[in-house]
Structures are given as structure tokens and as C-alpha cells.
Amino acid sequence: MVINNNWAPCGHEKKEYLFQYKVVSVYKCGLCGMVFTDKYNTSIDPGRAYENYYKDSTGGRFNFGIEHIIRLFRFFRAFRIFTVYPRARRILDIGSGRGFTLYYLKKHYNYKRTV
């Protein structure tokens, strides 16, 4: 496996095997917590992909009013997930955007682990 140390939070020297899906193995770094596969493209620097994505450090992409409404919708989405699965304590959300739903599940609904 080739690790691109230019973008990785660490060298992933303590990677832990999680599972395999078809021909792709999934690992988690024991140092930085990043989850990754053995098939990622090392020619792309993910840090640079988001360099200019947000206007400022607040993570807002829209004006203040719209951002507030979006976060409110994410809060209610978290509530809906909680009501459907009230006993769940872990969740994996693929393509979670900016992660507000995961944030609210962890903060307000006692999810122990959100990824």
C-alpha cells in the first residue's frame, strides 16, 4: 500500500484492518483515526480539494440566514434518525456533507460514535 504523506494527518503506521468489501480492504489509522481504503488515488491531495470550498473558517457556504435554516433541517434530520432507531448508539454516514447531522446525533441524542 502506498501512503501519500503530503496529505495524510500521519503516516498511518498503525493502520488496523476493519473489513473487506469485494476487492477493497478498509483500514483505520490507530494514530489519527482516519478510515481509508487500499484503493485510494494518491495523485489527489484531499486537503487541497477543500482549500477554497468554504468562504471562511465558520464552514458556511451560504449567507447567515440560509446557513441557519440548513443547520435547523440537519437538527430535525438527526431527530428523525433518533426516533426511528432510538436504541442505536453508533452511526456511519457516507457522504455526510459538512457533518451537522452527525454532530447533532452525538451532541443531543447520545450517539457514542459517529463516523
PDB file of N, CA and C in Angstrom:
ATOM      1  N   MET A   1       0.840  -1.182   0.000  1.00  0.00           N
ATOM      2  CA  MET A   1       0.000   0.000   0.000  1.00  0.00           C
ATOM      3  C   MET A   1       0.877   1.236   0.000  1.00  0.00           C
ATOM      4  N   VAL A   2       0.541   2.205  -0.818  1.00  0.00           N
ATOM      5  CA  VAL A   2       1.292   3.453  -0.888  1.00  0.00           C
ATOM      6  C   VAL A   2       0.557   4.508  -0.088  1.00  0.00           C
ATOM      7  N   ILE A   3       1.273   5.166   0.801  1.00  0.00           N
ATOM      8  CA  ILE A   3       0.693   6.242   1.599  1.00  0.00           C
ATOM      9  C   ILE A   3       1.287   7.556   1.126  1.00  0.00           C
ATOM     10  N   ASN A   4       0.449   8.512   0.811  1.00  0.00           N
ATOM     11  CA  ASN A   4       0.905   9.828   0.407  1.00  0.00           C
ATOM     12  C   ASN A   4       1.001  10.691   1.656  1.00  0.00           C
ATOM     13  N   ASN A   5       2.193  10.843   2.210  1.00  0.00           N
ATOM     14  CA  ASN A   5       2.371  11.588   3.455  1.00  0.00           C
ATOM     15  C   ASN A   5       2.201  13.089   3.281  1.00  0.00           C
ATOM     16  N   ASN A   6       2.055  13.571   2.049  1.00  0.00           N
ATOM     17  CA  ASN A   6       1.846  15.009   1.841  1.00  0.00           C
ATOM     18  C   ASN A   6       0.488  15.460   2.347  1.00  0.00           C
ATOM     19  N   TRP A   7      -0.502  14.578   2.346  1.00  0.00           N
ATOM     20  CA  TRP A   7      -1.832  14.993   2.797  1.00  0.00           C
ATOM     21  C   TRP A   7      -2.303  14.232   4.025  1.00  0.00           C
ATOM     22  N   ALA A   8      -1.734  13.078   4.289  1.00  0.00           N
ATOM     23  CA  ALA A   8      -2.184  12.264   5.409  1.00  0.00           C
ATOM     24  C   ALA A   8      -1.866  12.953   6.731  1.00  0.00           C
ATOM     25  N   PRO A   9      -2.800  12.949   7.695  1.00  0.00           N
ATOM     26  CA  PRO A   9      -2.540  13.548   9.004  1.00  0.00           C
ATOM     27  C   PRO A   9      -1.325  12.920   9.670  1.00  0.00           C
ATOM     28  N   CYS A  10      -1.055  11.672   9.361  1.00  0.00           N
ATOM     29  CA  CYS A  10       0.137  10.988   9.861  1.00  0.00           C
ATOM     30  C   CYS A  10       0.546   9.985   8.790  1.00  0.00           C
ATOM     31  N   GLY A  11       1.529   9.188   9.071  1.00  0.00           N
ATOM     32  CA  GLY A  11       1.971   8.207   8.086  1.00  0.00           C
ATOM     33  C   GLY A  11       1.153   6.929   8.078  1.00  0.00           C
ATOM     34  N   HIS A  12       0.117   6.859   8.917  1.00  0.00           N
ATOM     35  CA  HIS A  12      -0.739   5.667   9.050  1.00  0.00           C
ATOM     36  C   HIS A  12       0.106   4.427   9.358  1.00  0.00           C
ATOM     37  N   GLU A  13       1.106   4.598  10.198  1.00  0.00           N
ATOM     38  CA  GLU A  13       1.990   3.497  10.549  1.00  0.00           C
ATOM     39  C   GLU A  13       1.282   2.447  11.404  1.00  0.00           C
ATOM     40  N   LYS A  14       0.219   2.831  12.090  1.00  0.00           N
ATOM     41  CA  LYS A  14      -0.521   1.889  12.937  1.00  0.00           C
ATOM     42  C   LYS A  14      -1.908   1.636  12.356  1.00  0.00           C
ATOM     43  N   LYS A  15      -1.944   1.272  11.065  1.00  0.00           N
ATOM     44  CA  LYS A  15      -3.245   1.009  10.450  1.00  0.00           C
ATOM     45  C   LYS A  15      -3.793  -0.310  10.958  1.00  0.00           C
ATOM     46  N   GLU A  16      -5.110  -0.343  11.142  1.00  0.00           N
ATOM     47  CA  GLU A  16      -5.806  -1.525  11.632  1.00  0.00           C
ATOM     48  C   GLU A  16      -6.810  -1.960  10.571  1.00  0.00           C
ATOM     49  N   TYR A  17      -6.793  -3.223  10.217  1.00  0.00           N
ATOM     50  CA  TYR A  17      -7.732  -3.771   9.242  1.00  0.00           C
ATOM     51  C   TYR A  17      -9.127  -3.773   9.850  1.00  0.00           C
ATOM     52  N   LEU A  18     -10.120  -3.221   9.133  1.00  0.00           N
ATOM     53  CA  LEU A  18     -11.502  -3.221   9.607  1.00  0.00           C
ATOM     54  C   LEU A  18     -12.320  -4.320   8.933  1.00  0.00           C
ATOM     55  N   PHE A  19     -12.385  -4.278   7.595  1.00  0.00           N
ATOM     56  CA  PHE A  19     -13.149  -5.284   6.855  1.00  0.00           C
ATOM     57  C   PHE A  19     -12.804  -5.181   5.378  1.00  0.00           C
ATOM     58  N   GLN A  20     -13.337  -6.112   4.609  1.00  0.00           N
ATOM     59  CA  GLN A  20     -13.136  -6.097   3.169  1.00  0.00           C
ATOM     60  C   GLN A  20     -14.488  -6.125   2.484  1.00  0.00           C
ATOM     61  N   TYR A  21     -14.641  -5.289   1.452  1.00  0.00           N
ATOM     62  CA  TYR A  21     -15.845  -5.273   0.633  1.00  0.00           C
ATOM     63  C   TYR A  21     -15.426  -5.581  -0.788  1.00  0.00           C
ATOM     64  N   LYS A  22     -15.801  -6.732  -1.273  1.00  0.00           N
ATOM     65  CA  LYS A  22     -15.386  -7.238  -2.579  1.00  0.00           C
ATOM     66  C   LYS A  22     -13.859  -7.251  -2.642  1.00  0.00           C
ATOM     67  N   VAL A  23     -13.241  -6.401  -3.473  1.00  0.00           N
ATOM     68  CA  VAL A  23     -11.774  -6.419  -3.590  1.00  0.00           C
ATOM     69  C   VAL A  23     -11.112  -5.252  -2.862  1.00  0.00           C
ATOM     70  N   VAL A  24     -11.873  -4.479  -2.094  1.00  0.00           N
ATOM     71  CA  VAL A  24     -11.330  -3.302  -1.418  1.00  0.00           C
ATOM     72  C   VAL A  24     -11.250  -3.562   0.090  1.00  0.00           C
ATOM     73  N   SER A  25     -10.068  -3.404   0.657  1.00  0.00           N
ATOM     74  CA  SER A  25      -9.875  -3.523   2.102  1.00  0.00           C
ATOM     75  C   SER A  25     -10.016  -2.155   2.738  1.00  0.00           C
ATOM     76  N   VAL A  26     -10.640  -2.106   3.916  1.00  0.00           N
ATOM     77  CA  VAL A  26     -10.849  -0.856   4.640  1.00  0.00           C
ATOM     78  C   VAL A  26     -10.030  -0.905   5.925  1.00  0.00           C
ATOM     79  N   TYR A  27      -9.308   0.189   6.188  1.00  0.00           N
ATOM     80  CA  TYR A  27      -8.431   0.279   7.351  1.00  0.00           C
ATOM     81  C   TYR A  27      -8.768   1.519   8.165  1.00  0.00           C
ATOM     82  N   LYS A  28      -8.337   1.509   9.423  1.00  0.00           N
ATOM     83  CA  LYS A  28      -8.444   2.687  10.281  1.00  0.00           C
ATOM     84  C   LYS A  28      -7.069   2.918  10.890  1.00  0.00           C
ATOM     85  N   CYS A  29      -6.622   4.163  10.873  1.00  0.00           N
ATOM     86  CA  CYS A  29      -5.341   4.502  11.462  1.00  0.00           C
ATOM     87  C   CYS A  29      -5.501   4.587  12.980  1.00  0.00           C
ATOM     88  N   GLY A  30      -4.668   3.855  13.710  1.00  0.00           N
ATOM     89  CA  GLY A  30      -4.702   3.868  15.159  1.00  0.00           C
ATOM     90  C   GLY A  30      -4.152   5.146  15.761  1.00  0.00           C
ATOM     91  N   LEU A  31      -3.481   5.968  14.951  1.00  0.00           N
ATOM     92  CA  LEU A  31      -2.912   7.220  15.441  1.00  0.00           C
ATOM     93  C   LEU A  31      -3.842   8.406  15.215  1.00  0.00           C
ATOM     94  N   CYS A  32      -4.302   8.586  13.972  1.00  0.00           N
ATOM     95  CA  CYS A  32      -5.117   9.777  13.660  1.00  0.00           C
ATOM     96  C   CYS A  32      -6.603   9.467  13.543  1.00  0.00           C
ATOM     97  N   GLY A  33      -6.994   8.180  13.462  1.00  0.00           N
ATOM     98  CA  GLY A  33      -8.402   7.815  13.394  1.00  0.00           C
ATOM     99  C   GLY A  33      -8.999   7.845  12.001  1.00  0.00           C
ATOM    100  N   MET A  34      -8.222   8.206  10.979  1.00  0.00           N
ATOM    101  CA  MET A  34      -8.739   8.280   9.616  1.00  0.00           C
ATOM    102  C   MET A  34      -9.080   6.885   9.106  1.00  0.00           C
ATOM    103  N   VAL A  35     -10.217   6.745   8.432  1.00  0.00           N
ATOM    104  CA  VAL A  35     -10.627   5.494   7.806  1.00  0.00           C
ATOM    105  C   VAL A  35     -10.346   5.626   6.319  1.00  0.00           C
ATOM    106  N   PHE A  36      -9.698   4.619   5.739  1.00  0.00           N
ATOM    107  CA  PHE A  36      -9.294   4.712   4.335  1.00  0.00           C
ATOM    108  C   PHE A  36      -9.257   3.319   3.729  1.00  0.00           C
ATOM    109  N   THR A  37      -9.148   3.276   2.412  1.00  0.00           N
ATOM    110  CA  THR A  37      -9.069   2.005   1.697  1.00  0.00           C
ATOM    111  C   THR A  37      -7.688   1.847   1.086  1.00  0.00           C
ATOM    112  N   ASP A  38      -7.432   0.679   0.568  1.00  0.00           N
ATOM    113  CA  ASP A  38      -6.164   0.444  -0.110  1.00  0.00           C
ATOM    114  C   ASP A  38      -6.246   0.832  -1.586  1.00  0.00           C
ATOM    115  N   LYS A  39      -7.366   1.382  -2.013  1.00  0.00           N
ATOM    116  CA  LYS A  39      -7.567   1.719  -3.422  1.00  0.00           C
ATOM    117  C   LYS A  39      -7.698   3.221  -3.675  1.00  0.00           C
ATOM    118  N   TYR A  40      -7.310   4.056  -2.722  1.00  0.00           N
ATOM    119  CA  TYR A  40      -7.498   5.483  -2.949  1.00  0.00           C
ATOM    120  C   TYR A  40      -6.452   6.020  -3.912  1.00  0.00           C
ATOM    121  N   ASN A  41      -6.783   7.116  -4.548  1.00  0.00           N
ATOM    122  CA  ASN A  41      -5.934   7.730  -5.562  1.00  0.00           C
ATOM    123  C   ASN A  41      -4.903   8.614  -4.879  1.00  0.00           C
ATOM    124  N   THR A  42      -3.637   8.243  -4.957  1.00  0.00           N
ATOM    125  CA  THR A  42      -2.593   9.008  -4.274  1.00  0.00           C
ATOM    126  C   THR A  42      -2.179  10.256  -5.049  1.00  0.00           C
ATOM    127  N   SER A  43      -2.704  10.442  -6.256  1.00  0.00           N
ATOM    128  CA  SER A  43      -2.327  11.636  -7.015  1.00  0.00           C
ATOM    129  C   SER A  43      -3.181  12.834  -6.634  1.00  0.00           C
ATOM    130  N   ILE A  44      -4.213  12.640  -5.837  1.00  0.00           N
ATOM    131  CA  ILE A  44      -5.097  13.730  -5.419  1.00  0.00           C
ATOM    132  C   ILE A  44      -4.809  14.061  -3.961  1.00  0.00           C
ATOM    133  N   ASP A  45      -4.701  15.326  -3.659  1.00  0.00           N
ATOM    134  CA  ASP A  45      -4.489  15.792  -2.294  1.00  0.00           C
ATOM    135  C   ASP A  45      -5.828  16.268  -1.745  1.00  0.00           C
ATOM    136  N   PRO A  46      -6.508  15.478  -0.893  1.00  0.00           N
ATOM    137  CA  PRO A  46      -7.829  15.859  -0.402  1.00  0.00           C
ATOM    138  C   PRO A  46      -7.840  17.197   0.336  1.00  0.00           C
ATOM    139  N   GLY A  47      -6.761  17.515   1.020  1.00  0.00           N
ATOM    140  CA  GLY A  47      -6.699  18.800   1.716  1.00  0.00           C
ATOM    141  C   GLY A  47      -6.819  19.967   0.755  1.00  0.00           C
ATOM    142  N   ARG A  48      -6.216  19.855  -0.401  1.00  0.00           N
ATOM    143  CA  ARG A  48      -6.293  20.931  -1.400  1.00  0.00           C
ATOM    144  C   ARG A  48      -7.669  20.994  -2.065  1.00  0.00           C
ATOM    145  N   ALA A  49      -8.371  19.868  -2.111  1.00  0.00           N
ATOM    146  CA  ALA A  49      -9.687  19.850  -2.744  1.00  0.00           C
ATOM    147  C   ALA A  49     -10.662  20.761  -2.004  1.00  0.00           C
ATOM    148  N   TYR A  50     -10.490  20.934  -0.689  1.00  0.00           N
ATOM    149  CA  TYR A  50     -11.399  21.743   0.115  1.00  0.00           C
ATOM    150  C   TYR A  50     -10.807  23.092   0.508  1.00  0.00           C
ATOM    151  N   GLU A  51      -9.613  23.391   0.001  1.00  0.00           N
ATOM    152  CA  GLU A  51      -8.918  24.612   0.366  1.00  0.00           C
ATOM    153  C   GLU A  51      -9.774  25.865   0.210  1.00  0.00           C
ATOM    154  N   ASN A  52     -10.445  25.988  -0.919  1.00  0.00           N
ATOM    155  CA  ASN A  52     -11.244  27.180  -1.201  1.00  0.00           C
ATOM    156  C   ASN A  52     -12.735  26.890  -1.222  1.00  0.00           C
ATOM    157  N   TYR A  53     -13.143  25.773  -0.640  1.00  0.00           N
ATOM    158  CA  TYR A  53     -14.544  25.370  -0.722  1.00  0.00           C
ATOM    159  C   TYR A  53     -15.443  26.259   0.119  1.00  0.00           C
ATOM    160  N   TYR A  54     -15.013  26.587   1.314  1.00  0.00           N
ATOM    161  CA  TYR A  54     -15.825  27.411   2.195  1.00  0.00           C
ATOM    162  C   TYR A  54     -15.329  28.845   2.175  1.00  0.00           C
ATOM    163  N   LYS A  55     -16.251  29.776   2.409  1.00  0.00           N
ATOM    164  CA  LYS A  55     -15.900  31.197   2.381  1.00  0.00           C
ATOM    165  C   LYS A  55     -14.939  31.582   3.489  1.00  0.00           C
ATOM    166  N   ASP A  56     -15.137  31.032   4.668  1.00  0.00           N
ATOM    167  CA  ASP A  56     -14.324  31.399   5.814  1.00  0.00           C
ATOM    168  C   ASP A  56     -14.218  30.213   6.764  1.00  0.00           C
ATOM    169  N   SER A  57     -13.652  30.422   7.924  1.00  0.00           N
ATOM    170  CA  SER A  57     -13.402  29.321   8.852  1.00  0.00           C
ATOM    171  C   SER A  57     -14.665  28.812   9.544  1.00  0.00           C
ATOM    172  N   THR A  58     -15.807  29.457   9.364  1.00  0.00           N
ATOM    173  CA  THR A  58     -17.034  29.001  10.016  1.00  0.00           C
ATOM    174  C   THR A  58     -17.664  27.827   9.279  1.00  0.00           C
ATOM    175  N   GLY A  59     -17.202  27.537   8.086  1.00  0.00           N
ATOM    176  CA  GLY A  59     -17.766  26.422   7.345  1.00  0.00           C
ATOM    177  C   GLY A  59     -19.044  26.784   6.618  1.00  0.00           C
ATOM    178  N   GLY A  60     -19.383  28.051   6.571  1.00  0.00           N
ATOM    179  CA  GLY A  60     -20.605  28.464   5.893  1.00  0.00           C
ATOM    180  C   GLY A  60     -20.416  28.597   4.405  1.00  0.00           C
ATOM    181  N   ARG A  61     -21.357  28.102   3.647  1.00  0.00           N
ATOM    182  CA  ARG A  61     -21.307  28.259   2.195  1.00  0.00           C
ATOM    183  C   ARG A  61     -22.330  29.260   1.710  1.00  0.00           C
ATOM    184  N   PHE A  62     -23.284  29.589   2.563  1.00  0.00           N
ATOM    185  CA  PHE A  62     -24.362  30.478   2.167  1.00  0.00           C
ATOM    186  C   PHE A  62     -24.415  31.651   3.135  1.00  0.00           C
ATOM    187  N   ASN A  63     -25.347  32.572   2.900  1.00  0.00           N
ATOM    188  CA  ASN A  63     -25.458  33.683   3.836  1.00  0.00           C
ATOM    189  C   ASN A  63     -25.996  33.191   5.173  1.00  0.00           C
ATOM    190  N   PHE A  64     -25.897  34.020   6.196  1.00  0.00           N
ATOM    191  CA  PHE A  64     -26.201  33.622   7.565  1.00  0.00           C
ATOM    192  C   PHE A  64     -27.589  33.006   7.714  1.00  0.00           C
ATOM    193  N   GLY A  65     -28.610  33.619   7.136  1.00  0.00           N
ATOM    194  CA  GLY A  65     -29.988  33.127   7.276  1.00  0.00           C
ATOM    195  C   GLY A  65     -30.172  31.742   6.693  1.00  0.00           C
ATOM    196  N   ILE A  66     -29.648  31.526   5.502  1.00  0.00           N
ATOM    197  CA  ILE A  66     -29.768  30.218   4.850  1.00  0.00           C
ATOM    198  C   ILE A  66     -28.988  29.161   5.640  1.00  0.00           C
ATOM    199  N   GLU A  67     -27.785  29.518   6.109  1.00  0.00           N
ATOM    200  CA  GLU A  67     -26.987  28.586   6.914  1.00  0.00           C
ATOM    201  C   GLU A  67     -27.766  28.152   8.160  1.00  0.00           C
ATOM    202  N   HIS A  68     -28.432  29.093   8.794  1.00  0.00           N
ATOM    203  CA  HIS A  68     -29.205  28.793   9.998  1.00  0.00           C
ATOM    204  C   HIS A  68     -30.341  27.807   9.683  1.00  0.00           C
ATOM    205  N   ILE A  69     -31.009  28.014   8.582  1.00  0.00           N
ATOM    206  CA  ILE A  69     -32.099  27.119   8.164  1.00  0.00           C
ATOM    207  C   ILE A  69     -31.558  25.729   7.840  1.00  0.00           C
ATOM    208  N   ILE A  70     -30.422  25.658   7.151  1.00  0.00           N
ATOM    209  CA  ILE A  70     -29.825  24.368   6.807  1.00  0.00           C
ATOM    210  C   ILE A  70     -29.468  23.598   8.069  1.00  0.00           C
ATOM    211  N   ARG A  71     -28.869  24.287   9.034  1.00  0.00           N
ATOM    212  CA  ARG A  71     -28.496  23.613  10.285  1.00  0.00           C
ATOM    213  C   ARG A  71     -29.729  23.168  11.062  1.00  0.00           C
ATOM    214  N   LEU A  72     -30.800  23.935  10.982  1.00  0.00           N
ATOM    215  CA  LEU A  72     -32.045  23.544  11.633  1.00  0.00           C
ATOM    216  C   LEU A  72     -32.606  22.269  10.994  1.00  0.00           C
ATOM    217  N   PHE A  73     -32.568  22.198   9.656  1.00  0.00           N
ATOM    218  CA  PHE A  73     -33.010  20.987   8.962  1.00  0.00           C
ATOM    219  C   PHE A  73     -32.154  19.787   9.362  1.00  0.00           C
ATOM    220  N   ARG A  74     -30.848  19.993   9.514  1.00  0.00           N
ATOM    221  CA  ARG A  74     -29.958  18.898   9.921  1.00  0.00           C
ATOM    222  C   ARG A  74     -30.290  18.437  11.341  1.00  0.00           C
ATOM    223  N   PHE A  75     -30.663  19.370  12.214  1.00  0.00           N
ATOM    224  CA  PHE A  75     -31.053  19.008  13.570  1.00  0.00           C
ATOM    225  C   PHE A  75     -32.304  18.122  13.538  1.00  0.00           C
ATOM    226  N   PHE A  76     -33.288  18.504  12.725  1.00  0.00           N
ATOM    227  CA  PHE A  76     -34.505  17.701  12.635  1.00  0.00           C
ATOM    228  C   PHE A  76     -34.261  16.366  11.935  1.00  0.00           C
ATOM    229  N   ARG A  77     -33.302  16.321  11.004  1.00  0.00           N
ATOM    230  CA  ARG A  77     -32.936  15.047  10.392  1.00  0.00           C
ATOM    231  C   ARG A  77     -32.339  14.123  11.459  1.00  0.00           C
ATOM    232  N   ALA A  78     -31.500  14.671  12.325  1.00  0.00           N
ATOM    233  CA  ALA A  78     -30.924  13.890  13.423  1.00  0.00           C
ATOM    234  C   ALA A  78     -32.029  13.390  14.348  1.00  0.00           C
ATOM    235  N   PHE A  79     -32.995  14.250  14.637  1.00  0.00           N
ATOM    236  CA  PHE A  79     -34.119  13.856  15.484  1.00  0.00           C
ATOM    237  C   PHE A  79     -34.903  12.710  14.846  1.00  0.00           C
ATOM    238  N   ARG A  80     -35.118  12.802  13.541  1.00  0.00           N
ATOM    239  CA  ARG A  80     -35.860  11.754  12.838  1.00  0.00           C
ATOM    240  C   ARG A  80     -35.098  10.430  12.882  1.00  0.00           C
ATOM    241  N   ILE A  81     -33.791  10.468  12.686  1.00  0.00           N
ATOM    242  CA  ILE A  81     -32.976   9.251  12.787  1.00  0.00           C
ATOM    243  C   ILE A  81     -33.094   8.672  14.189  1.00  0.00           C
ATOM    244  N   PHE A  82     -33.019   9.536  15.191  1.00  0.00           N
ATOM    245  CA  PHE A  82     -33.121   9.085  16.574  1.00  0.00           C
ATOM    246  C   PHE A  82     -34.478   8.439  16.855  1.00  0.00           C
ATOM    247  N   THR A  83     -35.556   9.002  16.333  1.00  0.00           N
ATOM    248  CA  THR A  83     -36.884   8.432  16.597  1.00  0.00           C
ATOM    249  C   THR A  83     -37.091   7.097  15.885  1.00  0.00           C
ATOM    250  N   VAL A  84     -36.451   6.911  14.739  1.00  0.00           N
ATOM    251  CA  VAL A  84     -36.580   5.649  14.012  1.00  0.00           C
ATOM    252  C   VAL A  84     -35.748   4.553  14.679  1.00  0.00           C
ATOM    253  N   TYR A  85     -34.561   4.926  15.177  1.00  0.00           N
ATOM    254  CA  TYR A  85     -33.644   3.970  15.816  1.00  0.00           C
ATOM    255  C   TYR A  85     -33.221   4.501  17.186  1.00  0.00           C
ATOM    256  N   PRO A  86     -34.138   4.554  18.159  1.00  0.00           N
ATOM    257  CA  PRO A  86     -33.816   5.178  19.444  1.00  0.00           C
ATOM    258  C   PRO A  86     -32.768   4.439  20.266  1.00  0.00           C
ATOM    259  N   ARG A  87     -32.573   3.157  20.016  1.00  0.00           N
ATOM    260  CA  ARG A  87     -31.601   2.397  20.806  1.00  0.00           C
ATOM    261  C   ARG A  87     -30.218   2.370  20.172  1.00  0.00           C
ATOM    262  N   ALA A  88     -30.086   2.855  18.948  1.00  0.00           N
ATOM    263  CA  ALA A  88     -28.782   2.848  18.269  1.00  0.00           C
ATOM    264  C   ALA A  88     -27.832   3.813  18.966  1.00  0.00           C
ATOM    265  N   ARG A  89     -26.576   3.463  19.007  1.00  0.00           N
ATOM    266  CA  ARG A  89     -25.574   4.314  19.642  1.00  0.00           C
ATOM    267  C   ARG A  89     -24.381   4.583  18.740  1.00  0.00           C
ATOM    268  N   ARG A  90     -24.418   4.025  17.515  1.00  0.00           N
ATOM    269  CA  ARG A  90     -23.355   4.263  16.552  1.00  0.00           C
ATOM    270  C   ARG A  90     -23.989   4.467  15.187  1.00  0.00           C
ATOM    271  N   ILE A  91     -23.341   5.283  14.351  1.00  0.00           N
ATOM    272  CA  ILE A  91     -23.863   5.507  13.007  1.00  0.00           C
ATOM    273  C   ILE A  91     -22.707   5.795  12.061  1.00  0.00           C
ATOM    274  N   LEU A  92     -22.809   5.268  10.858  1.00  0.00           N
ATOM    275  CA  LEU A  92     -21.868   5.551   9.784  1.00  0.00           C
ATOM    276  C   LEU A  92     -22.660   6.247   8.694  1.00  0.00           C
ATOM    277  N   ASP A  93     -22.253   7.449   8.355  1.00  0.00           N
ATOM    278  CA  ASP A  93     -22.941   8.235   7.335  1.00  0.00           C
ATOM    279  C   ASP A  93     -21.970   8.496   6.201  1.00  0.00           C
ATOM    280  N   ILE A  94     -22.224   7.895   5.049  1.00  0.00           N
ATOM    281  CA  ILE A  94     -21.372   8.081   3.880  1.00  0.00           C
ATOM    282  C   ILE A  94     -21.892   9.289   3.113  1.00  0.00           C
ATOM    283  N   GLY A  95     -21.021  10.214   2.799  1.00  0.00           N
ATOM    284  CA  GLY A  95     -21.424  11.415   2.073  1.00  0.00           C
ATOM    285  C   GLY A  95     -22.206  12.367   2.949  1.00  0.00           C
ATOM    286  N   SER A  96     -21.714  12.593   4.164  1.00  0.00           N
ATOM    287  CA  SER A  96     -22.467  13.373   5.151  1.00  0.00           C
ATOM    288  C   SER A  96     -22.333  14.878   4.981  1.00  0.00           C
ATOM    289  N   GLY A  97     -21.791  15.321   3.860  1.00  0.00           N
ATOM    290  CA  GLY A  97     -21.659  16.758   3.649  1.00  0.00           C
ATOM    291  C   GLY A  97     -20.748  17.375   4.674  1.00  0.00           C
ATOM    292  N   ARG A  98     -21.260  18.342   5.411  1.00  0.00           N
ATOM    293  CA  ARG A  98     -20.442  19.015   6.418  1.00  0.00           C
ATOM    294  C   ARG A  98     -20.563  18.363   7.789  1.00  0.00           C
ATOM    295  N   GLY A  99     -21.363  17.320   7.924  1.00  0.00           N
ATOM    296  CA  GLY A  99     -21.407  16.539   9.141  1.00  0.00           C
ATOM    297  C   GLY A  99     -22.282  17.072  10.250  1.00  0.00           C
ATOM    298  N   PHE A 100     -23.185  18.013   9.963  1.00  0.00           N
ATOM    299  CA  PHE A 100     -24.022  18.568  11.023  1.00  0.00           C
ATOM    300  C   PHE A 100     -24.982  17.533  11.618  1.00  0.00           C
ATOM    301  N   THR A 101     -25.528  16.651  10.785  1.00  0.00           N
ATOM    302  CA  THR A 101     -26.434  15.628  11.318  1.00  0.00           C
ATOM    303  C   THR A 101     -25.689  14.740  12.305  1.00  0.00           C
ATOM    304  N   LEU A 102     -24.477  14.326  11.945  1.00  0.00           N
ATOM    305  CA  LEU A 102     -23.668  13.506  12.854  1.00  0.00           C
ATOM    306  C   LEU A 102     -23.345  14.269  14.135  1.00  0.00           C
ATOM    307  N   TYR A 103     -23.029  15.540  13.982  1.00  0.00           N
ATOM    308  CA  TYR A 103     -22.720  16.379  15.140  1.00  0.00           C
ATOM    309  C   TYR A 103     -23.913  16.427  16.104  1.00  0.00           C
ATOM    310  N   TYR A 104     -25.093  16.640  15.567  1.00  0.00           N
ATOM    311  CA  TYR A 104     -26.290  16.727  16.413  1.00  0.00           C
ATOM    312  C   TYR A 104     -26.635  15.372  17.042  1.00  0.00           C
ATOM    313  N   LEU A 105     -26.442  14.282  16.301  1.00  0.00           N
ATOM    314  CA  LEU A 105     -26.704  12.960  16.877  1.00  0.00           C
ATOM    315  C   LEU A 105     -25.801  12.702  18.078  1.00  0.00           C
ATOM    316  N   LYS A 106     -24.563  13.101  17.958  1.00  0.00           N
ATOM    317  CA  LYS A 106     -23.623  12.881  19.056  1.00  0.00           C
ATOM    318  C   LYS A 106     -23.895  13.832  20.220  1.00  0.00           C
ATOM    319  N   LYS A 107     -24.172  15.078  19.916  1.00  0.00           N
ATOM    320  CA  LYS A 107     -24.342  16.087  20.965  1.00  0.00           C
ATOM    321  C   LYS A 107     -25.667  15.950  21.716  1.00  0.00           C
ATOM    322  N   HIS A 108     -26.764  15.767  20.997  1.00  0.00           N
ATOM    323  CA  HIS A 108     -28.086  15.812  21.614  1.00  0.00           C
ATOM    324  C   HIS A 108     -28.746  14.446  21.843  1.00  0.00           C
ATOM    325  N   TYR A 109     -28.303  13.412  21.130  1.00  0.00           N
ATOM    326  CA  TYR A 109     -29.009  12.128  21.203  1.00  0.00           C
ATOM    327  C   TYR A 109     -28.126  10.983  21.680  1.00  0.00           C
ATOM    328  N   ASN A 110     -27.039  11.299  22.326  1.00  0.00           N
ATOM    329  CA  ASN A 110     -26.170  10.331  22.990  1.00  0.00           C
ATOM    330  C   ASN A 110     -25.613   9.231  22.097  1.00  0.00           C
ATOM    331  N   TYR A 111     -25.396   9.511  20.822  1.00  0.00           N
ATOM    332  CA  TYR A 111     -24.689   8.546  19.997  1.00  0.00           C
ATOM    333  C   TYR A 111     -23.247   8.550  20.474  1.00  0.00           C
ATOM    334  N   LYS A 112     -22.723   7.367  20.757  1.00  0.00           N
ATOM    335  CA  LYS A 112     -21.362   7.251  21.285  1.00  0.00           C
ATOM    336  C   LYS A 112     -20.320   7.412  20.195  1.00  0.00           C
ATOM    337  N   ARG A 113     -20.678   6.983  18.989  1.00  0.00           N
ATOM    338  CA  ARG A 113     -19.710   7.053  17.901  1.00  0.00           C
ATOM    339  C   ARG A 113     -20.428   7.439  16.621  1.00  0.00           C
ATOM    340  N   THR A 114     -19.960   8.505  16.003  1.00  0.00           N
ATOM    341  CA  THR A 114     -20.499   8.931  14.713  1.00  0.00           C
ATOM    342  C   THR A 114     -19.328   9.037  13.737  1.00  0.00           C
ATOM    343  N   VAL A 115     -19.507   8.443  12.571  1.00  0.00           N
ATOM    344  CA  VAL A 115     -18.445   8.460  11.550  1.00  0.00           C
ATOM    345  C   VAL A 115     -19.072   8.867  10.240  1.00  0.00           C
TER     346      VAL A 115
END
